[in-house]
């Protein structure tokens, strides 16, 4: 079974410097949900791996995060898609936890639960810490230029050698063209 791991904010939905704090603020990036549907259609299992420090910062409560994810999965289901699970780090950056990207803790949890072969698995993100986490977990990194992606690429020219695409839809199009799938 093939897996694709995705960051959430800036990859699937629009990001905000003020954080996404409610289901009303959660808005899918055009084409992102359809891209997940395409992955599902050809047999990929999709998992979301996301830092959500807004919880520790007191910007929103767990129920609000659950409502955001319900909105996301409901909109995705209406298009015929689904995700396996959303792994979140609820901690503040100062907590020095093992699950906050760029550390690979969430990836390790997903790997163990789903028996994922990380060296054969893409992780698509929009930040430098996403690319670091993908490397630490042994995943194949893809940077999207939505969210913080364009800024990330400009500030970190060493990432120019990493696959990068305009958005999730373009990244998925590349994967589906280049990877054997069931």
N, C-alpha and C. Protein backbone atom coordinates (compact mmCIF):
# COMPACT_ATOMS: atom_id res chain seq x y z
N UNK A 1 0.85 -1.18 0.00
CA UNK A 1 0.00 0.00 0.00
C UNK A 1 0.90 1.24 0.00
N UNK A 2 0.56 2.20 -0.86
CA UNK A 2 1.33 3.44 -0.97
C UNK A 2 0.67 4.54 -0.12
N UNK A 3 1.51 5.34 0.48
CA UNK A 3 1.05 6.45 1.32
C UNK A 3 1.61 7.76 0.80
N UNK A 4 0.89 8.83 1.05
CA UNK A 4 1.35 10.20 0.86
C UNK A 4 1.07 10.91 2.17
N UNK A 5 2.06 11.61 2.68
CA UNK A 5 1.90 12.40 3.90
C UNK A 5 1.85 13.87 3.52
N UNK A 6 0.94 14.60 4.14
CA UNK A 6 0.74 16.01 3.82
C UNK A 6 0.77 16.87 5.07
N UNK A 7 1.35 18.05 4.93
CA UNK A 7 1.15 19.09 5.93
C UNK A 7 -0.26 19.64 5.70
N UNK A 8 -0.78 20.38 6.65
CA UNK A 8 -2.13 20.93 6.49
C UNK A 8 -2.10 22.39 6.05
N UNK A 9 -1.77 23.30 6.98
CA UNK A 9 -1.84 24.74 6.69
C UNK A 9 -0.82 25.14 5.63
N UNK A 10 -1.31 25.77 4.58
CA UNK A 10 -0.44 26.20 3.49
C UNK A 10 -0.29 25.18 2.38
N UNK A 11 -0.78 23.96 2.63
CA UNK A 11 -0.72 22.89 1.62
C UNK A 11 -2.12 22.50 1.20
N UNK A 12 -2.96 22.15 2.17
CA UNK A 12 -4.35 21.77 1.89
C UNK A 12 -5.25 22.99 1.98
N UNK A 13 -5.02 23.79 3.00
CA UNK A 13 -5.85 24.98 3.23
C UNK A 13 -4.97 26.22 3.29
N UNK A 14 -5.59 27.37 3.08
CA UNK A 14 -4.88 28.64 3.20
C UNK A 14 -4.35 28.78 4.62
N UNK A 15 -3.18 29.37 4.74
CA UNK A 15 -2.57 29.61 6.04
C UNK A 15 -2.76 31.08 6.41
N UNK A 16 -2.47 31.41 7.65
CA UNK A 16 -2.56 32.79 8.12
C UNK A 16 -1.48 33.02 9.16
N UNK A 17 -0.84 34.18 9.10
CA UNK A 17 0.16 34.51 10.13
C UNK A 17 -0.51 34.60 11.50
N UNK A 18 -1.81 34.79 11.52
CA UNK A 18 -2.57 34.85 12.76
C UNK A 18 -3.16 33.50 13.16
N UNK A 19 -2.76 32.44 12.46
CA UNK A 19 -3.23 31.07 12.70
C UNK A 19 -4.67 30.89 12.19
N UNK A 20 -4.97 29.67 11.83
CA UNK A 20 -6.34 29.30 11.48
C UNK A 20 -6.96 28.83 12.79
N UNK A 21 -7.97 29.55 13.26
CA UNK A 21 -8.48 29.34 14.61
C UNK A 21 -9.89 28.76 14.68
N UNK A 22 -10.55 28.63 13.53
CA UNK A 22 -11.93 28.14 13.56
C UNK A 22 -12.28 27.48 12.22
N UNK A 23 -13.35 26.75 12.23
CA UNK A 23 -13.82 26.12 10.99
C UNK A 23 -14.18 27.19 9.96
N UNK A 24 -14.69 28.33 10.41
CA UNK A 24 -15.03 29.42 9.48
C UNK A 24 -13.78 29.95 8.77
N UNK A 25 -12.64 29.95 9.47
CA UNK A 25 -11.40 30.44 8.87
C UNK A 25 -10.73 29.38 7.98
N UNK A 26 -11.06 28.12 8.17
CA UNK A 26 -10.44 27.04 7.40
C UNK A 26 -11.02 27.04 5.98
N UNK A 27 -10.18 27.35 5.01
CA UNK A 27 -10.62 27.39 3.61
C UNK A 27 -9.63 26.60 2.76
N UNK A 28 -10.14 25.65 2.02
CA UNK A 28 -9.27 24.82 1.17
C UNK A 28 -8.66 25.65 0.05
N UNK A 29 -7.41 25.38 -0.25
CA UNK A 29 -6.75 25.98 -1.41
C UNK A 29 -7.38 25.35 -2.65
N UNK A 30 -7.78 26.14 -3.65
CA UNK A 30 -8.40 25.56 -4.84
C UNK A 30 -7.55 24.42 -5.43
N UNK A 31 -8.21 23.30 -5.67
CA UNK A 31 -7.57 22.13 -6.26
C UNK A 31 -6.97 21.16 -5.27
N UNK A 32 -6.82 21.57 -3.99
CA UNK A 32 -6.16 20.68 -3.03
C UNK A 32 -7.03 19.47 -2.67
N UNK A 33 -8.29 19.68 -2.44
CA UNK A 33 -9.15 18.55 -2.10
C UNK A 33 -9.27 17.60 -3.28
N UNK A 34 -9.40 18.15 -4.48
CA UNK A 34 -9.48 17.32 -5.68
C UNK A 34 -8.19 16.51 -5.88
N UNK A 35 -7.06 17.09 -5.50
CA UNK A 35 -5.79 16.37 -5.61
C UNK A 35 -5.78 15.16 -4.68
N UNK A 36 -6.31 15.32 -3.47
CA UNK A 36 -6.39 14.20 -2.53
C UNK A 36 -7.32 13.13 -3.09
N UNK A 37 -8.43 13.54 -3.68
CA UNK A 37 -9.36 12.59 -4.31
C UNK A 37 -8.64 11.78 -5.39
N UNK A 38 -7.82 12.46 -6.19
CA UNK A 38 -7.06 11.76 -7.25
C UNK A 38 -6.10 10.74 -6.65
N UNK A 39 -5.45 11.10 -5.58
CA UNK A 39 -4.56 10.14 -4.91
C UNK A 39 -5.34 8.92 -4.44
N UNK A 40 -6.48 9.17 -3.80
CA UNK A 40 -7.33 8.07 -3.33
C UNK A 40 -7.78 7.18 -4.49
N UNK A 41 -8.14 7.82 -5.59
CA UNK A 41 -8.68 7.10 -6.74
C UNK A 41 -7.71 6.05 -7.28
N UNK A 42 -6.40 6.33 -7.19
CA UNK A 42 -5.41 5.38 -7.70
C UNK A 42 -4.77 4.56 -6.59
N UNK A 43 -5.36 4.58 -5.40
CA UNK A 43 -4.92 3.67 -4.36
C UNK A 43 -3.99 4.21 -3.30
N UNK A 44 -3.69 5.51 -3.32
CA UNK A 44 -2.85 6.08 -2.27
C UNK A 44 -3.67 6.31 -1.01
N UNK A 45 -3.05 6.05 0.13
CA UNK A 45 -3.64 6.37 1.42
C UNK A 45 -2.98 7.67 1.88
N UNK A 46 -3.79 8.63 2.29
CA UNK A 46 -3.30 9.97 2.62
C UNK A 46 -3.40 10.20 4.12
N UNK A 47 -2.30 10.69 4.68
CA UNK A 47 -2.22 11.01 6.11
C UNK A 47 -1.74 12.45 6.23
N UNK A 48 -2.34 13.19 7.15
CA UNK A 48 -1.95 14.57 7.41
C UNK A 48 -1.09 14.61 8.68
N UNK A 49 0.03 15.33 8.61
CA UNK A 49 0.96 15.49 9.72
C UNK A 49 1.14 16.99 9.92
N UNK A 50 0.66 17.52 11.05
CA UNK A 50 0.60 18.97 11.19
C UNK A 50 0.93 19.46 12.60
N UNK A 51 1.73 20.52 12.66
CA UNK A 51 1.94 21.23 13.93
C UNK A 51 0.72 22.13 14.15
N UNK A 52 0.19 22.11 15.36
CA UNK A 52 -0.95 22.97 15.70
C UNK A 52 -0.68 23.65 17.05
N UNK A 53 0.37 24.48 17.07
CA UNK A 53 0.76 25.14 18.32
C UNK A 53 -0.26 26.17 18.78
N UNK A 54 -1.22 26.51 17.94
CA UNK A 54 -2.29 27.41 18.37
C UNK A 54 -3.03 26.87 19.58
N UNK A 55 -3.04 25.55 19.74
CA UNK A 55 -3.65 24.95 20.94
C UNK A 55 -2.87 25.37 22.18
N UNK A 56 -1.55 25.17 22.16
CA UNK A 56 -0.72 25.52 23.32
C UNK A 56 -0.68 27.02 23.55
N UNK A 57 -0.83 27.78 22.49
CA UNK A 57 -0.80 29.24 22.61
C UNK A 57 -2.13 29.79 23.12
N UNK A 58 -3.14 28.93 23.25
CA UNK A 58 -4.45 29.36 23.72
C UNK A 58 -5.26 30.12 22.68
N UNK A 59 -4.90 29.96 21.40
CA UNK A 59 -5.61 30.68 20.34
C UNK A 59 -6.92 29.99 19.94
N UNK A 60 -7.00 28.69 20.20
CA UNK A 60 -8.23 27.93 19.98
C UNK A 60 -8.20 26.69 20.85
N UNK A 61 -9.37 26.13 21.06
CA UNK A 61 -9.51 24.92 21.88
C UNK A 61 -9.54 23.69 20.99
N UNK A 62 -9.41 22.54 21.61
CA UNK A 62 -9.40 21.28 20.85
C UNK A 62 -10.69 21.10 20.05
N UNK A 63 -11.84 21.49 20.62
CA UNK A 63 -13.09 21.34 19.88
C UNK A 63 -13.07 22.14 18.58
N UNK A 64 -12.42 23.32 18.59
CA UNK A 64 -12.34 24.15 17.38
C UNK A 64 -11.46 23.46 16.34
N UNK A 65 -10.38 22.83 16.77
CA UNK A 65 -9.53 22.08 15.84
C UNK A 65 -10.32 20.90 15.26
N UNK A 66 -11.07 20.22 16.11
CA UNK A 66 -11.90 19.10 15.64
C UNK A 66 -12.93 19.59 14.61
N UNK A 67 -13.50 20.78 14.84
CA UNK A 67 -14.46 21.34 13.89
C UNK A 67 -13.79 21.68 12.56
N UNK A 68 -12.56 22.19 12.61
CA UNK A 68 -11.81 22.45 11.37
C UNK A 68 -11.61 21.16 10.59
N UNK A 69 -11.21 20.12 11.31
CA UNK A 69 -10.94 18.84 10.64
C UNK A 69 -12.22 18.18 10.14
N UNK A 70 -13.32 18.40 10.85
CA UNK A 70 -14.61 17.90 10.38
C UNK A 70 -15.01 18.60 9.08
N UNK A 71 -14.80 19.90 9.03
CA UNK A 71 -15.10 20.65 7.80
C UNK A 71 -14.26 20.12 6.65
N UNK A 72 -12.96 19.95 6.90
CA UNK A 72 -12.05 19.44 5.88
C UNK A 72 -12.48 18.05 5.39
N UNK A 73 -12.67 17.12 6.32
CA UNK A 73 -12.99 15.75 5.90
C UNK A 73 -14.38 15.65 5.28
N UNK A 74 -15.30 16.50 5.72
CA UNK A 74 -16.64 16.51 5.14
C UNK A 74 -16.60 17.03 3.70
N UNK A 75 -15.87 18.13 3.48
CA UNK A 75 -15.75 18.65 2.12
C UNK A 75 -15.05 17.64 1.22
N UNK A 76 -14.04 16.97 1.76
CA UNK A 76 -13.32 15.96 1.00
C UNK A 76 -14.23 14.79 0.65
N UNK A 77 -15.02 14.33 1.61
CA UNK A 77 -15.94 13.21 1.39
C UNK A 77 -16.98 13.53 0.32
N UNK A 78 -17.45 14.78 0.29
CA UNK A 78 -18.43 15.18 -0.74
C UNK A 78 -17.86 15.04 -2.14
N UNK A 79 -16.52 15.11 -2.25
CA UNK A 79 -15.87 14.96 -3.55
C UNK A 79 -15.46 13.51 -3.82
N UNK A 80 -15.69 12.64 -2.82
CA UNK A 80 -15.35 11.23 -2.99
C UNK A 80 -13.99 10.85 -2.43
N UNK A 81 -13.41 11.70 -1.59
CA UNK A 81 -12.09 11.42 -1.04
C UNK A 81 -12.11 11.21 0.46
N UNK A 82 -10.99 10.77 0.97
CA UNK A 82 -10.85 10.57 2.41
C UNK A 82 -9.37 10.57 2.80
N UNK A 83 -9.13 10.77 4.07
CA UNK A 83 -7.78 10.63 4.61
C UNK A 83 -7.84 9.55 5.69
N UNK A 84 -6.70 8.94 5.93
CA UNK A 84 -6.64 7.88 6.94
C UNK A 84 -6.70 8.47 8.35
N UNK A 85 -5.91 9.54 8.56
CA UNK A 85 -5.81 10.10 9.90
C UNK A 85 -5.09 11.44 9.83
N UNK A 86 -5.31 12.25 10.86
CA UNK A 86 -4.59 13.51 11.03
C UNK A 86 -3.77 13.39 12.31
N UNK A 87 -2.45 13.41 12.16
CA UNK A 87 -1.56 13.39 13.31
C UNK A 87 -1.19 14.84 13.62
N UNK A 88 -1.42 15.27 14.87
CA UNK A 88 -1.14 16.66 15.24
C UNK A 88 -0.14 16.74 16.39
N UNK A 89 0.65 17.79 16.36
CA UNK A 89 1.46 18.19 17.50
C UNK A 89 0.76 19.40 18.10
N UNK A 90 0.26 19.28 19.33
CA UNK A 90 -0.45 20.39 19.97
C UNK A 90 0.45 21.30 20.79
N UNK A 91 1.76 21.03 20.76
CA UNK A 91 2.68 21.69 21.69
C UNK A 91 3.20 23.03 21.18
N UNK A 92 3.66 23.82 22.13
CA UNK A 92 4.32 25.09 21.85
C UNK A 92 5.75 24.80 21.39
N UNK A 93 6.31 25.63 20.49
CA UNK A 93 7.69 25.39 20.05
C UNK A 93 8.69 25.30 21.20
N UNK A 94 8.45 26.02 22.29
CA UNK A 94 9.38 26.00 23.43
C UNK A 94 9.28 24.72 24.26
N UNK A 95 8.29 23.88 24.00
CA UNK A 95 8.10 22.66 24.79
C UNK A 95 9.16 21.60 24.48
N UNK A 96 9.84 21.74 23.34
CA UNK A 96 10.89 20.79 22.94
C UNK A 96 10.39 19.35 22.93
N UNK A 97 9.18 19.15 22.44
CA UNK A 97 8.61 17.81 22.35
C UNK A 97 9.23 17.05 21.18
N UNK A 98 8.96 15.77 21.11
CA UNK A 98 9.48 14.95 20.01
C UNK A 98 8.55 14.92 18.80
N UNK A 99 7.33 15.45 18.96
CA UNK A 99 6.37 15.35 17.85
C UNK A 99 6.30 16.60 16.98
N UNK A 100 6.89 17.71 17.45
CA UNK A 100 6.81 18.94 16.67
C UNK A 100 7.84 18.93 15.55
N UNK A 101 7.33 19.13 14.31
CA UNK A 101 8.26 19.26 13.19
C UNK A 101 9.16 20.46 13.44
N UNK A 102 10.46 20.35 13.23
CA UNK A 102 11.15 19.45 12.31
C UNK A 102 11.53 18.08 12.87
N UNK A 103 11.20 17.78 14.12
CA UNK A 103 11.48 16.44 14.64
C UNK A 103 10.50 15.45 14.00
N UNK A 104 10.90 14.20 13.89
CA UNK A 104 10.08 13.22 13.15
C UNK A 104 9.07 12.43 13.99
N UNK A 105 8.77 12.88 15.20
CA UNK A 105 7.89 12.10 16.08
C UNK A 105 6.55 11.72 15.49
N UNK A 106 5.87 12.68 14.85
CA UNK A 106 4.57 12.36 14.24
C UNK A 106 4.72 11.37 13.10
N UNK A 107 5.79 11.50 12.35
CA UNK A 107 6.07 10.57 11.25
C UNK A 107 6.30 9.17 11.80
N UNK A 108 7.03 9.10 12.93
CA UNK A 108 7.29 7.81 13.56
C UNK A 108 5.98 7.16 14.01
N UNK A 109 5.07 7.97 14.56
CA UNK A 109 3.77 7.45 14.98
C UNK A 109 3.00 6.88 13.79
N UNK A 110 2.98 7.63 12.69
CA UNK A 110 2.27 7.17 11.49
C UNK A 110 2.92 5.91 10.92
N UNK A 111 4.25 5.91 10.89
CA UNK A 111 5.00 4.76 10.37
C UNK A 111 4.65 3.50 11.15
N UNK A 112 4.66 3.62 12.46
CA UNK A 112 4.38 2.46 13.31
C UNK A 112 2.93 1.99 13.15
N UNK A 113 1.99 2.90 13.16
CA UNK A 113 0.59 2.52 13.09
C UNK A 113 0.21 1.92 11.75
N UNK A 114 0.75 2.48 10.66
CA UNK A 114 0.34 2.06 9.32
C UNK A 114 1.39 1.24 8.58
N UNK A 115 2.51 0.94 9.23
CA UNK A 115 3.58 0.16 8.60
C UNK A 115 4.02 0.80 7.28
N UNK A 116 4.33 2.07 7.34
CA UNK A 116 4.69 2.84 6.15
C UNK A 116 6.17 2.67 5.84
N UNK A 117 6.48 2.46 4.58
CA UNK A 117 7.86 2.44 4.10
C UNK A 117 8.22 3.89 3.76
N UNK A 118 8.86 4.57 4.68
CA UNK A 118 9.10 6.00 4.53
C UNK A 118 9.95 6.34 3.31
N UNK A 119 10.91 5.51 2.96
CA UNK A 119 11.79 5.82 1.83
C UNK A 119 11.04 5.80 0.50
N UNK A 120 9.82 5.28 0.52
CA UNK A 120 8.99 5.23 -0.69
C UNK A 120 7.80 6.19 -0.58
N UNK A 121 7.82 7.06 0.41
CA UNK A 121 6.66 7.90 0.73
C UNK A 121 7.01 9.37 0.60
N UNK A 122 6.19 10.10 -0.15
CA UNK A 122 6.35 11.54 -0.26
C UNK A 122 5.73 12.24 0.94
N UNK A 123 6.40 13.31 1.38
CA UNK A 123 5.82 14.24 2.34
C UNK A 123 5.79 15.60 1.66
N UNK A 124 4.61 16.18 1.59
CA UNK A 124 4.43 17.46 0.92
C UNK A 124 4.15 18.53 1.95
N UNK A 125 5.02 19.56 1.98
CA UNK A 125 4.89 20.64 2.93
C UNK A 125 5.26 21.97 2.31
N UNK A 126 5.16 23.03 3.13
CA UNK A 126 5.43 24.38 2.62
C UNK A 126 6.45 25.14 3.44
N UNK A 127 7.09 24.50 4.42
CA UNK A 127 8.05 25.21 5.27
C UNK A 127 9.38 24.47 5.33
N UNK A 128 10.39 25.19 5.78
CA UNK A 128 11.71 24.60 5.96
C UNK A 128 11.63 23.46 6.97
N UNK A 129 10.87 23.66 8.06
CA UNK A 129 10.76 22.60 9.07
C UNK A 129 10.05 21.37 8.50
N UNK A 130 9.14 21.56 7.56
CA UNK A 130 8.51 20.41 6.88
C UNK A 130 9.56 19.61 6.12
N UNK A 131 10.44 20.32 5.42
CA UNK A 131 11.47 19.64 4.63
C UNK A 131 12.48 18.96 5.55
N UNK A 132 12.81 19.60 6.68
CA UNK A 132 13.70 18.98 7.65
C UNK A 132 13.06 17.72 8.24
N UNK A 133 11.79 17.80 8.58
CA UNK A 133 11.09 16.65 9.16
C UNK A 133 11.02 15.50 8.16
N UNK A 134 10.74 15.82 6.91
CA UNK A 134 10.71 14.77 5.88
C UNK A 134 12.05 14.07 5.81
N UNK A 135 13.14 14.86 5.83
CA UNK A 135 14.47 14.27 5.80
C UNK A 135 14.75 13.42 7.03
N UNK A 136 14.40 13.93 8.21
CA UNK A 136 14.64 13.20 9.46
C UNK A 136 13.85 11.89 9.49
N UNK A 137 12.67 11.89 8.87
CA UNK A 137 11.82 10.69 8.85
C UNK A 137 12.18 9.74 7.71
N UNK A 138 13.02 10.20 6.79
CA UNK A 138 13.41 9.36 5.66
C UNK A 138 12.44 9.41 4.50
N UNK A 139 11.54 10.41 4.49
CA UNK A 139 10.56 10.56 3.41
C UNK A 139 11.17 11.26 2.20
N UNK A 140 10.46 11.21 1.10
CA UNK A 140 10.80 11.96 -0.10
C UNK A 140 10.12 13.33 0.01
N UNK A 141 10.87 14.42 0.14
CA UNK A 141 10.26 15.73 0.37
C UNK A 141 9.81 16.40 -0.92
N UNK A 142 8.66 17.05 -0.84
CA UNK A 142 8.18 17.93 -1.90
C UNK A 142 7.74 19.23 -1.24
N UNK A 143 8.24 20.34 -1.77
CA UNK A 143 7.86 21.66 -1.29
C UNK A 143 6.82 22.25 -2.24
N UNK A 144 5.71 22.71 -1.68
CA UNK A 144 4.74 23.46 -2.49
C UNK A 144 4.93 24.94 -2.21
N UNK A 145 4.65 25.76 -3.21
CA UNK A 145 4.91 27.19 -3.11
C UNK A 145 3.72 27.97 -2.58
N UNK A 146 2.65 27.27 -2.21
CA UNK A 146 1.53 27.90 -1.52
C UNK A 146 1.92 28.10 -0.06
N UNK A 147 1.08 28.76 0.70
CA UNK A 147 1.38 28.99 2.11
C UNK A 147 2.69 29.75 2.26
N UNK A 148 3.61 29.18 3.02
CA UNK A 148 4.93 29.80 3.22
C UNK A 148 5.96 29.26 2.23
N UNK A 149 5.54 28.46 1.27
CA UNK A 149 6.47 27.79 0.36
C UNK A 149 7.35 28.69 -0.47
N UNK A 150 6.79 29.72 -1.08
CA UNK A 150 7.58 30.63 -1.91
C UNK A 150 8.65 31.32 -1.06
N UNK A 151 8.25 31.81 0.09
CA UNK A 151 9.18 32.47 1.01
C UNK A 151 10.25 31.47 1.49
N UNK A 152 9.82 30.25 1.79
CA UNK A 152 10.76 29.22 2.23
C UNK A 152 11.83 28.97 1.17
N UNK A 153 11.42 28.87 -0.08
CA UNK A 153 12.37 28.61 -1.16
C UNK A 153 13.32 29.79 -1.35
N UNK A 154 12.79 31.01 -1.27
CA UNK A 154 13.62 32.20 -1.44
C UNK A 154 14.65 32.34 -0.32
N UNK A 155 14.27 32.01 0.91
CA UNK A 155 15.17 32.16 2.05
C UNK A 155 16.14 30.99 2.21
N UNK A 156 15.86 29.87 1.55
CA UNK A 156 16.66 28.66 1.71
C UNK A 156 17.02 28.10 0.34
N UNK A 157 17.97 28.74 -0.35
CA UNK A 157 18.31 28.30 -1.71
C UNK A 157 18.76 26.85 -1.79
N UNK A 158 19.20 26.28 -0.67
CA UNK A 158 19.59 24.87 -0.68
C UNK A 158 18.40 23.95 -0.97
N UNK A 159 17.20 24.46 -0.81
CA UNK A 159 16.01 23.67 -1.10
C UNK A 159 15.69 23.64 -2.60
N UNK A 160 16.44 24.41 -3.38
CA UNK A 160 16.17 24.44 -4.82
C UNK A 160 16.31 23.06 -5.45
N UNK A 161 17.13 22.19 -4.85
CA UNK A 161 17.31 20.84 -5.38
C UNK A 161 16.18 19.89 -5.00
N UNK A 162 15.33 20.31 -4.06
CA UNK A 162 14.17 19.50 -3.67
C UNK A 162 13.06 19.75 -4.68
N UNK A 163 12.30 18.70 -4.99
CA UNK A 163 11.15 18.88 -5.87
C UNK A 163 10.26 19.97 -5.29
N UNK A 164 9.86 20.91 -6.13
CA UNK A 164 8.92 21.93 -5.67
C UNK A 164 7.94 22.25 -6.80
N UNK A 165 6.72 22.51 -6.38
CA UNK A 165 5.62 22.73 -7.31
C UNK A 165 4.76 23.89 -6.84
N UNK A 166 4.00 24.43 -7.77
CA UNK A 166 3.15 25.59 -7.49
C UNK A 166 2.17 25.33 -6.35
N UNK A 167 1.60 24.12 -6.31
CA UNK A 167 0.60 23.81 -5.29
C UNK A 167 0.45 22.30 -5.17
N UNK A 168 -0.43 21.86 -4.28
CA UNK A 168 -0.64 20.43 -4.05
C UNK A 168 -1.12 19.73 -5.32
N UNK A 169 -2.00 20.37 -6.06
CA UNK A 169 -2.51 19.75 -7.29
C UNK A 169 -1.38 19.47 -8.27
N UNK A 170 -0.45 20.41 -8.43
CA UNK A 170 0.67 20.21 -9.35
C UNK A 170 1.61 19.12 -8.83
N UNK A 171 1.83 19.07 -7.53
CA UNK A 171 2.67 18.02 -6.95
C UNK A 171 2.05 16.65 -7.17
N UNK A 172 0.76 16.55 -6.96
CA UNK A 172 0.07 15.26 -7.15
C UNK A 172 0.10 14.86 -8.62
N UNK A 173 -0.07 15.80 -9.50
CA UNK A 173 0.01 15.50 -10.93
C UNK A 173 1.37 14.89 -11.27
N UNK A 174 2.45 15.46 -10.72
CA UNK A 174 3.79 14.92 -10.93
C UNK A 174 3.89 13.49 -10.38
N UNK A 175 3.42 13.29 -9.15
CA UNK A 175 3.50 11.97 -8.52
C UNK A 175 2.77 10.94 -9.36
N UNK A 176 1.57 11.29 -9.81
CA UNK A 176 0.77 10.32 -10.55
C UNK A 176 1.39 9.99 -11.91
N UNK A 177 2.12 10.93 -12.49
CA UNK A 177 2.81 10.68 -13.76
C UNK A 177 4.06 9.82 -13.58
N UNK A 178 4.73 10.00 -12.45
CA UNK A 178 6.05 9.39 -12.29
C UNK A 178 6.08 8.13 -11.44
N UNK A 179 5.10 7.92 -10.60
CA UNK A 179 5.12 6.79 -9.70
C UNK A 179 4.20 5.67 -10.19
N UNK A 180 4.68 4.42 -10.09
CA UNK A 180 3.76 3.32 -10.37
C UNK A 180 2.70 3.26 -9.26
N UNK A 181 1.49 3.03 -9.64
CA UNK A 181 0.42 2.92 -8.64
C UNK A 181 -0.54 1.81 -9.06
N UNK A 182 -1.33 1.40 -8.06
CA UNK A 182 -2.25 0.27 -8.28
C UNK A 182 -3.47 0.68 -9.07
